[in-house]
Amino acid sequence: MSVGHVAREFEAAGIPTVAVYVRAFRHVAEAMGVPRTVVTRHPMGRTLGAPGDVERQSDVIEAAFALLDSAQEGGAMVELEAPYRPGTDRV
């Protein structure tokens, strides 16, 4: 929930935000009225994707920037359909 509170405070100060949530917490973002949210189908702790999965991490970040650019009203939410790819774990 901290992410939603911080986003709202930044927004109140005139700084636009985009929060990235995993699907399990989508309802939290909706209930809190987070201004802009990207929802992923990833497990908790891997919001942007698997370690080493630069392609997927980039896709999530690009979706966040696109939402920041395109959202016309508060509460905008985009859910990414691509599933988590655990086979890409690399150290």
PDB file of N, CA and C in Angstrom:
ATOM      1  N   MET A   1       0.807  -1.182   0.000  1.00  0.00           N
ATOM      2  CA  MET A   1       0.000   0.000   0.000  1.00  0.00           C
ATOM      3  C   MET A   1       0.856   1.254   0.000  1.00  0.00           C
ATOM      4  N   SER A   2       2.083   1.154   0.442  1.00  0.00           N
ATOM      5  CA  SER A   2       2.956   2.322   0.501  1.00  0.00           C
ATOM      6  C   SER A   2       3.108   2.982  -0.859  1.00  0.00           C
ATOM      7  N   VAL A   3       3.203   2.167  -1.916  1.00  0.00           N
ATOM      8  CA  VAL A   3       3.384   2.705  -3.258  1.00  0.00           C
ATOM      9  C   VAL A   3       2.232   3.632  -3.617  1.00  0.00           C
ATOM     10  N   GLY A   4       1.021   3.222  -3.321  1.00  0.00           N
ATOM     11  CA  GLY A   4      -0.146   4.048  -3.623  1.00  0.00           C
ATOM     12  C   GLY A   4      -0.140   5.349  -2.850  1.00  0.00           C
ATOM     13  N   HIS A   5       0.225   5.294  -1.573  1.00  0.00           N
ATOM     14  CA  HIS A   5       0.287   6.513  -0.757  1.00  0.00           C
ATOM     15  C   HIS A   5       1.349   7.473  -1.291  1.00  0.00           C
ATOM     16  N   VAL A   6       2.513   6.948  -1.614  1.00  0.00           N
ATOM     17  CA  VAL A   6       3.595   7.784  -2.135  1.00  0.00           C
ATOM     18  C   VAL A   6       3.185   8.398  -3.472  1.00  0.00           C
ATOM     19  N   ALA A   7       2.575   7.600  -4.342  1.00  0.00           N
ATOM     20  CA  ALA A   7       2.136   8.114  -5.651  1.00  0.00           C
ATOM     21  C   ALA A   7       1.154   9.261  -5.476  1.00  0.00           C
ATOM     22  N   ARG A   8       0.210   9.111  -4.572  1.00  0.00           N
ATOM     23  CA  ARG A   8      -0.772  10.180  -4.360  1.00  0.00           C
ATOM     24  C   ARG A   8      -0.109  11.449  -3.834  1.00  0.00           C
ATOM     25  N   GLU A   9       0.875  11.324  -2.958  1.00  0.00           N
ATOM     26  CA  GLU A   9       1.576  12.493  -2.432  1.00  0.00           C
ATOM     27  C   GLU A   9       2.388  13.194  -3.526  1.00  0.00           C
ATOM     28  N   PHE A  10       3.066  12.409  -4.353  1.00  0.00           N
ATOM     29  CA  PHE A  10       3.813  12.990  -5.467  1.00  0.00           C
ATOM     30  C   PHE A  10       2.865  13.725  -6.406  1.00  0.00           C
ATOM     31  N   GLU A  11       1.742  13.091  -6.713  1.00  0.00           N
ATOM     32  CA  GLU A  11       0.752  13.704  -7.601  1.00  0.00           C
ATOM     33  C   GLU A  11       0.238  15.010  -7.012  1.00  0.00           C
ATOM     34  N   ALA A  12      -0.003  15.030  -5.723  1.00  0.00           N
ATOM     35  CA  ALA A  12      -0.478  16.253  -5.056  1.00  0.00           C
ATOM     36  C   ALA A  12       0.549  17.376  -5.169  1.00  0.00           C
ATOM     37  N   ALA A  13       1.823  17.009  -5.262  1.00  0.00           N
ATOM     38  CA  ALA A  13       2.900  17.990  -5.411  1.00  0.00           C
ATOM     39  C   ALA A  13       3.140  18.350  -6.875  1.00  0.00           C
ATOM     40  N   GLY A  14       2.331  17.792  -7.784  1.00  0.00           N
ATOM     41  CA  GLY A  14       2.465  18.109  -9.204  1.00  0.00           C
ATOM     42  C   GLY A  14       3.424  17.226  -9.965  1.00  0.00           C
ATOM     43  N   ILE A  15       3.849  16.112  -9.367  1.00  0.00           N
ATOM     44  CA  ILE A  15       4.781  15.184 -10.026  1.00  0.00           C
ATOM     45  C   ILE A  15       3.991  13.958 -10.474  1.00  0.00           C
ATOM     46  N   PRO A  16       3.832  13.753 -11.796  1.00  0.00           N
ATOM     47  CA  PRO A  16       3.071  12.603 -12.271  1.00  0.00           C
ATOM     48  C   PRO A  16       3.789  11.280 -11.983  1.00  0.00           C
ATOM     49  N   THR A  17       3.005  10.257 -11.694  1.00  0.00           N
ATOM     50  CA  THR A  17       3.566   8.951 -11.343  1.00  0.00           C
ATOM     51  C   THR A  17       2.881   7.834 -12.106  1.00  0.00           C
ATOM     52  N   VAL A  18       3.553   6.706 -12.184  1.00  0.00           N
ATOM     53  CA  VAL A  18       2.974   5.450 -12.651  1.00  0.00           C
ATOM     54  C   VAL A  18       3.460   4.383 -11.669  1.00  0.00           C
ATOM     55  N   ALA A  19       2.534   3.632 -11.107  1.00  0.00           N
ATOM     56  CA  ALA A  19       2.889   2.536 -10.202  1.00  0.00           C
ATOM     57  C   ALA A  19       2.772   1.226 -10.969  1.00  0.00           C
ATOM     58  N   VAL A  20       3.653   0.284 -10.667  1.00  0.00           N
ATOM     59  CA  VAL A  20       3.592  -1.044 -11.281  1.00  0.00           C
ATOM     60  C   VAL A  20       3.242  -2.034 -10.176  1.00  0.00           C
ATOM     61  N   TYR A  21       2.144  -2.750 -10.372  1.00  0.00           N
ATOM     62  CA  TYR A  21       1.642  -3.722  -9.403  1.00  0.00           C
ATOM     63  C   TYR A  21       1.577  -5.101 -10.054  1.00  0.00           C
ATOM     64  N   VAL A  22       1.714  -6.139  -9.247  1.00  0.00           N
ATOM     65  CA  VAL A  22       1.421  -7.485  -9.731  1.00  0.00           C
ATOM     66  C   VAL A  22      -0.095  -7.683  -9.641  1.00  0.00           C
ATOM     67  N   ARG A  23      -0.599  -8.573 -10.449  1.00  0.00           N
ATOM     68  CA  ARG A  23      -2.043  -8.800 -10.535  1.00  0.00           C
ATOM     69  C   ARG A  23      -2.685  -9.104  -9.178  1.00  0.00           C
ATOM     70  N   ALA A  24      -1.965  -9.780  -8.307  1.00  0.00           N
ATOM     71  CA  ALA A  24      -2.516 -10.139  -6.992  1.00  0.00           C
ATOM     72  C   ALA A  24      -2.908  -8.904  -6.176  1.00  0.00           C
ATOM     73  N   PHE A  25      -2.322  -7.743  -6.498  1.00  0.00           N
ATOM     74  CA  PHE A  25      -2.614  -6.520  -5.762  1.00  0.00           C
ATOM     75  C   PHE A  25      -3.358  -5.484  -6.592  1.00  0.00           C
ATOM     76  N   ARG A  26      -3.902  -5.905  -7.721  1.00  0.00           N
ATOM     77  CA  ARG A  26      -4.666  -4.976  -8.561  1.00  0.00           C
ATOM     78  C   ARG A  26      -5.794  -4.325  -7.758  1.00  0.00           C
ATOM     79  N   HIS A  27      -6.483  -5.126  -6.957  1.00  0.00           N
ATOM     80  CA  HIS A  27      -7.606  -4.596  -6.177  1.00  0.00           C
ATOM     81  C   HIS A  27      -7.158  -3.505  -5.206  1.00  0.00           C
ATOM     82  N   VAL A  28      -5.930  -3.595  -4.731  1.00  0.00           N
ATOM     83  CA  VAL A  28      -5.406  -2.572  -3.820  1.00  0.00           C
ATOM     84  C   VAL A  28      -5.234  -1.254  -4.580  1.00  0.00           C
ATOM     85  N   ALA A  29      -4.658  -1.323  -5.772  1.00  0.00           N
ATOM     86  CA  ALA A  29      -4.476  -0.116  -6.585  1.00  0.00           C
ATOM     87  C   ALA A  29      -5.822   0.516  -6.913  1.00  0.00           C
ATOM     88  N   GLU A  30      -6.802  -0.315  -7.239  1.00  0.00           N
ATOM     89  CA  GLU A  30      -8.132   0.199  -7.550  1.00  0.00           C
ATOM     90  C   GLU A  30      -8.760   0.864  -6.325  1.00  0.00           C
ATOM     91  N   ALA A  31      -8.680   0.206  -5.184  1.00  0.00           N
ATOM     92  CA  ALA A  31      -9.288   0.734  -3.954  1.00  0.00           C
ATOM     93  C   ALA A  31      -8.623   2.027  -3.504  1.00  0.00           C
ATOM     94  N   MET A  32      -7.308   2.134  -3.719  1.00  0.00           N
ATOM     95  CA  MET A  32      -6.583   3.324  -3.289  1.00  0.00           C
ATOM     96  C   MET A  32      -6.704   4.477  -4.264  1.00  0.00           C
ATOM     97  N   GLY A  33      -7.164   4.200  -5.468  1.00  0.00           N
ATOM     98  CA  GLY A  33      -7.254   5.255  -6.467  1.00  0.00           C
ATOM     99  C   GLY A  33      -5.899   5.721  -6.952  1.00  0.00           C
ATOM    100  N   VAL A  34      -4.983   4.775  -7.124  1.00  0.00           N
ATOM    101  CA  VAL A  34      -3.654   5.110  -7.634  1.00  0.00           C
ATOM    102  C   VAL A  34      -3.843   5.781  -9.002  1.00  0.00           C
ATOM    103  N   PRO A  35      -3.195   6.926  -9.242  1.00  0.00           N
ATOM    104  CA  PRO A  35      -3.440   7.707 -10.458  1.00  0.00           C
ATOM    105  C   PRO A  35      -3.230   6.953 -11.779  1.00  0.00           C
ATOM    106  N   ARG A  36      -2.137   6.246 -11.910  1.00  0.00           N
ATOM    107  CA  ARG A  36      -1.835   5.477 -13.122  1.00  0.00           C
ATOM    108  C   ARG A  36      -1.161   4.186 -12.682  1.00  0.00           C
ATOM    109  N   THR A  37      -1.654   3.068 -13.211  1.00  0.00           N
ATOM    110  CA  THR A  37      -1.130   1.779 -12.772  1.00  0.00           C
ATOM    111  C   THR A  37      -0.917   0.847 -13.954  1.00  0.00           C
ATOM    112  N   VAL A  38       0.235   0.187 -13.975  1.00  0.00           N
ATOM    113  CA  VAL A  38       0.500  -0.915 -14.890  1.00  0.00           C
ATOM    114  C   VAL A  38       0.450  -2.181 -14.038  1.00  0.00           C
ATOM    115  N   VAL A  39      -0.326  -3.163 -14.483  1.00  0.00           N
ATOM    116  CA  VAL A  39      -0.480  -4.424 -13.756  1.00  0.00           C
ATOM    117  C   VAL A  39       0.185  -5.524 -14.575  1.00  0.00           C
ATOM    118  N   THR A  40       1.041  -6.309 -13.912  1.00  0.00           N
ATOM    119  CA  THR A  40       1.715  -7.412 -14.596  1.00  0.00           C
ATOM    120  C   THR A  40       1.208  -8.755 -14.062  1.00  0.00           C
ATOM    121  N   ARG A  41       1.429  -9.799 -14.838  1.00  0.00           N
ATOM    122  CA  ARG A  41       1.055 -11.161 -14.431  1.00  0.00           C
ATOM    123  C   ARG A  41       2.236 -11.869 -13.785  1.00  0.00           C
ATOM    124  N   HIS A  42       3.003 -11.145 -13.046  1.00  0.00           N
ATOM    125  CA  HIS A  42       4.209 -11.689 -12.431  1.00  0.00           C
ATOM    126  C   HIS A  42       3.948 -12.034 -10.968  1.00  0.00           C
ATOM    127  N   PRO A  43       4.798 -12.882 -10.405  1.00  0.00           N
ATOM    128  CA  PRO A  43       4.652 -13.195  -8.975  1.00  0.00           C
ATOM    129  C   PRO A  43       5.140 -12.026  -8.110  1.00  0.00           C
ATOM    130  N   MET A  44       4.707 -12.040  -6.858  1.00  0.00           N
ATOM    131  CA  MET A  44       5.156 -11.005  -5.927  1.00  0.00           C
ATOM    132  C   MET A  44       6.677 -11.012  -5.846  1.00  0.00           C
ATOM    133  N   GLY A  45       7.244  -9.837  -5.799  1.00  0.00           N
ATOM    134  CA  GLY A  45       8.692  -9.708  -5.722  1.00  0.00           C
ATOM    135  C   GLY A  45       9.368  -9.651  -7.074  1.00  0.00           C
ATOM    136  N   ARG A  46       8.621  -9.893  -8.124  1.00  0.00           N
ATOM    137  CA  ARG A  46       9.174  -9.869  -9.484  1.00  0.00           C
ATOM    138  C   ARG A  46       8.300  -8.979 -10.375  1.00  0.00           C
ATOM    139  N   THR A  47       7.953  -7.839  -9.877  1.00  0.00           N
ATOM    140  CA  THR A  47       7.011  -6.943 -10.541  1.00  0.00           C
ATOM    141  C   THR A  47       7.413  -6.621 -11.976  1.00  0.00           C
ATOM    142  N   LEU A  48       8.685  -6.403 -12.210  1.00  0.00           N
ATOM    143  CA  LEU A  48       9.154  -6.056 -13.554  1.00  0.00           C
ATOM    144  C   LEU A  48       9.515  -7.268 -14.399  1.00  0.00           C
ATOM    145  N   GLY A  49       9.665  -8.431 -13.799  1.00  0.00           N
ATOM    146  CA  GLY A  49      10.028  -9.635 -14.535  1.00  0.00           C
ATOM    147  C   GLY A  49      11.124 -10.402 -13.824  1.00  0.00           C
ATOM    148  N   ALA A  50      11.517 -11.476 -14.438  1.00  0.00           N
ATOM    149  CA  ALA A  50      12.543 -12.345 -13.864  1.00  0.00           C
ATOM    150  C   ALA A  50      13.916 -11.681 -13.902  1.00  0.00           C
ATOM    151  N   PRO A  51      14.786 -12.022 -12.953  1.00  0.00           N
ATOM    152  CA  PRO A  51      16.157 -11.506 -13.000  1.00  0.00           C
ATOM    153  C   PRO A  51      16.816 -11.889 -14.322  1.00  0.00           C
ATOM    154  N   GLY A  52      17.440 -10.948 -14.960  1.00  0.00           N
ATOM    155  CA  GLY A  52      18.116 -11.215 -16.225  1.00  0.00           C
ATOM    156  C   GLY A  52      17.216 -11.132 -17.444  1.00  0.00           C
ATOM    157  N   ASP A  53      15.915 -10.990 -17.265  1.00  0.00           N
ATOM    158  CA  ASP A  53      14.991 -10.901 -18.395  1.00  0.00           C
ATOM    159  C   ASP A  53      14.853  -9.434 -18.807  1.00  0.00           C
ATOM    160  N   VAL A  54      15.908  -8.924 -19.404  1.00  0.00           N
ATOM    161  CA  VAL A  54      15.975  -7.513 -19.765  1.00  0.00           C
ATOM    162  C   VAL A  54      14.872  -7.137 -20.741  1.00  0.00           C
ATOM    163  N   GLU A  55      14.546  -8.022 -21.654  1.00  0.00           N
ATOM    164  CA  GLU A  55      13.495  -7.735 -22.637  1.00  0.00           C
ATOM    165  C   GLU A  55      12.153  -7.492 -21.943  1.00  0.00           C
ATOM    166  N   ARG A  56      11.788  -8.375 -21.037  1.00  0.00           N
ATOM    167  CA  ARG A  56      10.503  -8.222 -20.338  1.00  0.00           C
ATOM    168  C   ARG A  56      10.522  -7.002 -19.428  1.00  0.00           C
ATOM    169  N   GLN A  57      11.608  -6.789 -18.721  1.00  0.00           N
ATOM    170  CA  GLN A  57      11.717  -5.628 -17.844  1.00  0.00           C
ATOM    171  C   GLN A  57      11.572  -4.336 -18.653  1.00  0.00           C
ATOM    172  N   SER A  58      12.180  -4.302 -19.820  1.00  0.00           N
ATOM    173  CA  SER A  58      12.064  -3.137 -20.696  1.00  0.00           C
ATOM    174  C   SER A  58      10.628  -2.941 -21.168  1.00  0.00           C
ATOM    175  N   ASP A  59       9.941  -4.053 -21.480  1.00  0.00           N
ATOM    176  CA  ASP A  59       8.541  -3.961 -21.905  1.00  0.00           C
ATOM    177  C   ASP A  59       7.670  -3.333 -20.817  1.00  0.00           C
ATOM    178  N   VAL A  60       7.885  -3.720 -19.579  1.00  0.00           N
ATOM    179  CA  VAL A  60       7.096  -3.183 -18.465  1.00  0.00           C
ATOM    180  C   VAL A  60       7.391  -1.695 -18.289  1.00  0.00           C
ATOM    181  N   ILE A  61       8.649  -1.315 -18.322  1.00  0.00           N
ATOM    182  CA  ILE A  61       9.025   0.096 -18.172  1.00  0.00           C
ATOM    183  C   ILE A  61       8.466   0.922 -19.335  1.00  0.00           C
ATOM    184  N   GLU A  62       8.543   0.397 -20.549  1.00  0.00           N
ATOM    185  CA  GLU A  62       7.995   1.109 -21.707  1.00  0.00           C
ATOM    186  C   GLU A  62       6.483   1.279 -21.580  1.00  0.00           C
ATOM    187  N   ALA A  63       5.795   0.267 -21.059  1.00  0.00           N
ATOM    188  CA  ALA A  63       4.350   0.375 -20.846  1.00  0.00           C
ATOM    189  C   ALA A  63       4.039   1.457 -19.817  1.00  0.00           C
ATOM    190  N   ALA A  64       4.877   1.559 -18.797  1.00  0.00           N
ATOM    191  CA  ALA A  64       4.683   2.593 -17.772  1.00  0.00           C
ATOM    192  C   ALA A  64       4.857   3.986 -18.374  1.00  0.00           C
ATOM    193  N   PHE A  65       5.889   4.171 -19.176  1.00  0.00           N
ATOM    194  CA  PHE A  65       6.094   5.472 -19.823  1.00  0.00           C
ATOM    195  C   PHE A  65       4.956   5.793 -20.793  1.00  0.00           C
ATOM    196  N   ALA A  66       4.487   4.796 -21.521  1.00  0.00           N
ATOM    197  CA  ALA A  66       3.371   5.010 -22.457  1.00  0.00           C
ATOM    198  C   ALA A  66       2.114   5.427 -21.703  1.00  0.00           C
ATOM    199  N   LEU A  67       1.851   4.801 -20.562  1.00  0.00           N
ATOM    200  CA  LEU A  67       0.683   5.167 -19.764  1.00  0.00           C
ATOM    201  C   LEU A  67       0.838   6.582 -19.207  1.00  0.00           C
ATOM    202  N   LEU A  68       2.023   6.921 -18.785  1.00  0.00           N
ATOM    203  CA  LEU A  68       2.286   8.273 -18.281  1.00  0.00           C
ATOM    204  C   LEU A  68       1.995   9.305 -19.372  1.00  0.00           C
ATOM    205  N   ASP A  69       2.344   8.970 -20.592  1.00  0.00           N
ATOM    206  CA  ASP A  69       2.154   9.869 -21.727  1.00  0.00           C
ATOM    207  C   ASP A  69       0.703   9.948 -22.185  1.00  0.00           C
ATOM    208  N   SER A  70      -0.028   8.825 -22.086  1.00  0.00           N
ATOM    209  CA  SER A  70      -1.363   8.764 -22.688  1.00  0.00           C
ATOM    210  C   SER A  70      -2.532   8.944 -21.727  1.00  0.00           C
ATOM    211  N   ALA A  71      -2.339   8.718 -20.456  1.00  0.00           N
ATOM    212  CA  ALA A  71      -3.454   8.771 -19.500  1.00  0.00           C
ATOM    213  C   ALA A  71      -4.046  10.177 -19.446  1.00  0.00           C
ATOM    214  N   GLN A  72      -5.340  10.249 -19.607  1.00  0.00           N
ATOM    215  CA  GLN A  72      -6.026  11.537 -19.608  1.00  0.00           C
ATOM    216  C   GLN A  72      -6.755  11.819 -18.300  1.00  0.00           C
ATOM    217  N   GLU A  73      -6.923  10.794 -17.458  1.00  0.00           N
ATOM    218  CA  GLU A  73      -7.645  10.982 -16.206  1.00  0.00           C
ATOM    219  C   GLU A  73      -7.058  10.077 -15.133  1.00  0.00           C
ATOM    220  N   GLY A  74      -7.327  10.422 -13.879  1.00  0.00           N
ATOM    221  CA  GLY A  74      -6.839   9.627 -12.766  1.00  0.00           C
ATOM    222  C   GLY A  74      -7.459   8.247 -12.751  1.00  0.00           C
ATOM    223  N   GLY A  75      -6.757   7.299 -12.197  1.00  0.00           N
ATOM    224  CA  GLY A  75      -7.254   5.933 -12.111  1.00  0.00           C
ATOM    225  C   GLY A  75      -7.008   5.109 -13.356  1.00  0.00           C
ATOM    226  N   ALA A  76      -6.218   5.620 -14.299  1.00  0.00           N
ATOM    227  CA  ALA A  76      -5.922   4.874 -15.523  1.00  0.00           C
ATOM    228  C   ALA A  76      -5.140   3.610 -15.178  1.00  0.00           C
ATOM    229  N   MET A  77      -5.556   2.497 -15.761  1.00  0.00           N
ATOM    230  CA  MET A  77      -4.911   1.218 -15.454  1.00  0.00           C
ATOM    231  C   MET A  77      -4.763   0.397 -16.732  1.00  0.00           C
ATOM    232  N   VAL A  78      -3.586  -0.192 -16.898  1.00  0.00           N
ATOM    233  CA  VAL A  78      -3.299  -1.073 -18.024  1.00  0.00           C
ATOM    234  C   VAL A  78      -2.803  -2.384 -17.460  1.00  0.00           C
ATOM    235  N   GLU A  79      -3.386  -3.491 -17.905  1.00  0.00           N
ATOM    236  CA  GLU A  79      -2.892  -4.800 -17.481  1.00  0.00           C
ATOM    237  C   GLU A  79      -2.174  -5.447 -18.652  1.00  0.00           C
ATOM    238  N   LEU A  80      -0.907  -5.767 -18.450  1.00  0.00           N
ATOM    239  CA  LEU A  80      -0.116  -6.411 -19.492  1.00  0.00           C
ATOM    240  C   LEU A  80      -0.486  -7.888 -19.552  1.00  0.00           C
ATOM    241  N   GLU A  81      -0.697  -8.386 -20.740  1.00  0.00           N
ATOM    242  CA  GLU A  81      -1.151  -9.762 -20.912  1.00  0.00           C
ATOM    243  C   GLU A  81      -0.026 -10.790 -20.911  1.00  0.00           C
ATOM    244  N   ALA A  82       1.178 -10.363 -21.196  1.00  0.00           N
ATOM    245  CA  ALA A  82       2.285 -11.321 -21.274  1.00  0.00           C
ATOM    246  C   ALA A  82       2.525 -11.968 -19.918  1.00  0.00           C
ATOM    247  N   PRO A  83       2.672 -13.290 -19.899  1.00  0.00           N
ATOM    248  CA  PRO A  83       2.910 -13.992 -18.635  1.00  0.00           C
ATOM    249  C   PRO A  83       4.368 -13.864 -18.172  1.00  0.00           C
ATOM    250  N   TYR A  84       4.583 -14.187 -16.941  1.00  0.00           N
ATOM    251  CA  TYR A  84       5.913 -14.248 -16.371  1.00  0.00           C
ATOM    252  C   TYR A  84       6.690 -15.359 -17.061  1.00  0.00           C
ATOM    253  N   ARG A  85       7.971 -15.130 -17.303  1.00  0.00           N
ATOM    254  CA  ARG A  85       8.806 -16.126 -17.993  1.00  0.00           C
ATOM    255  C   ARG A  85       9.913 -16.606 -17.052  1.00  0.00           C
ATOM    256  N   PRO A  86       9.608 -17.575 -16.191  1.00  0.00           N
ATOM    257  CA  PRO A  86      10.612 -18.001 -15.214  1.00  0.00           C
ATOM    258  C   PRO A  86      11.838 -18.654 -15.828  1.00  0.00           C
ATOM    259  N   GLY A  87      11.748 -19.154 -17.037  1.00  0.00           N
ATOM    260  CA  GLY A  87      12.883 -19.809 -17.673  1.00  0.00           C
ATOM    261  C   GLY A  87      13.988 -18.854 -18.059  1.00  0.00           C
ATOM    262  N   THR A  88      13.783 -17.552 -17.858  1.00  0.00           N
ATOM    263  CA  THR A  88      14.792 -16.581 -18.235  1.00  0.00           C
ATOM    264  C   THR A  88      15.691 -16.186 -17.075  1.00  0.00           C
ATOM    265  N   ASP A  89      15.500 -16.776 -15.911  1.00  0.00           N
ATOM    266  CA  ASP A  89      16.325 -16.440 -14.751  1.00  0.00           C
ATOM    267  C   ASP A  89      17.796 -16.673 -15.069  1.00  0.00           C
ATOM    268  N   ARG A  90      18.588 -15.643 -14.905  1.00  0.00           N
ATOM    269  CA  ARG A  90      20.037 -15.739 -15.110  1.00  0.00           C
ATOM    270  C   ARG A  90      20.720 -14.926 -14.015  1.00  0.00           C
ATOM    271  N   VAL A  91      21.832 -15.337 -13.612  1.00  0.00           N
ATOM    272  CA  VAL A  91      22.584 -14.575 -12.613  1.00  0.00           C
ATOM    273  C   VAL A  91      23.849 -14.073 -13.248  1.00  0.00           C
TER     274      VAL A  91
END
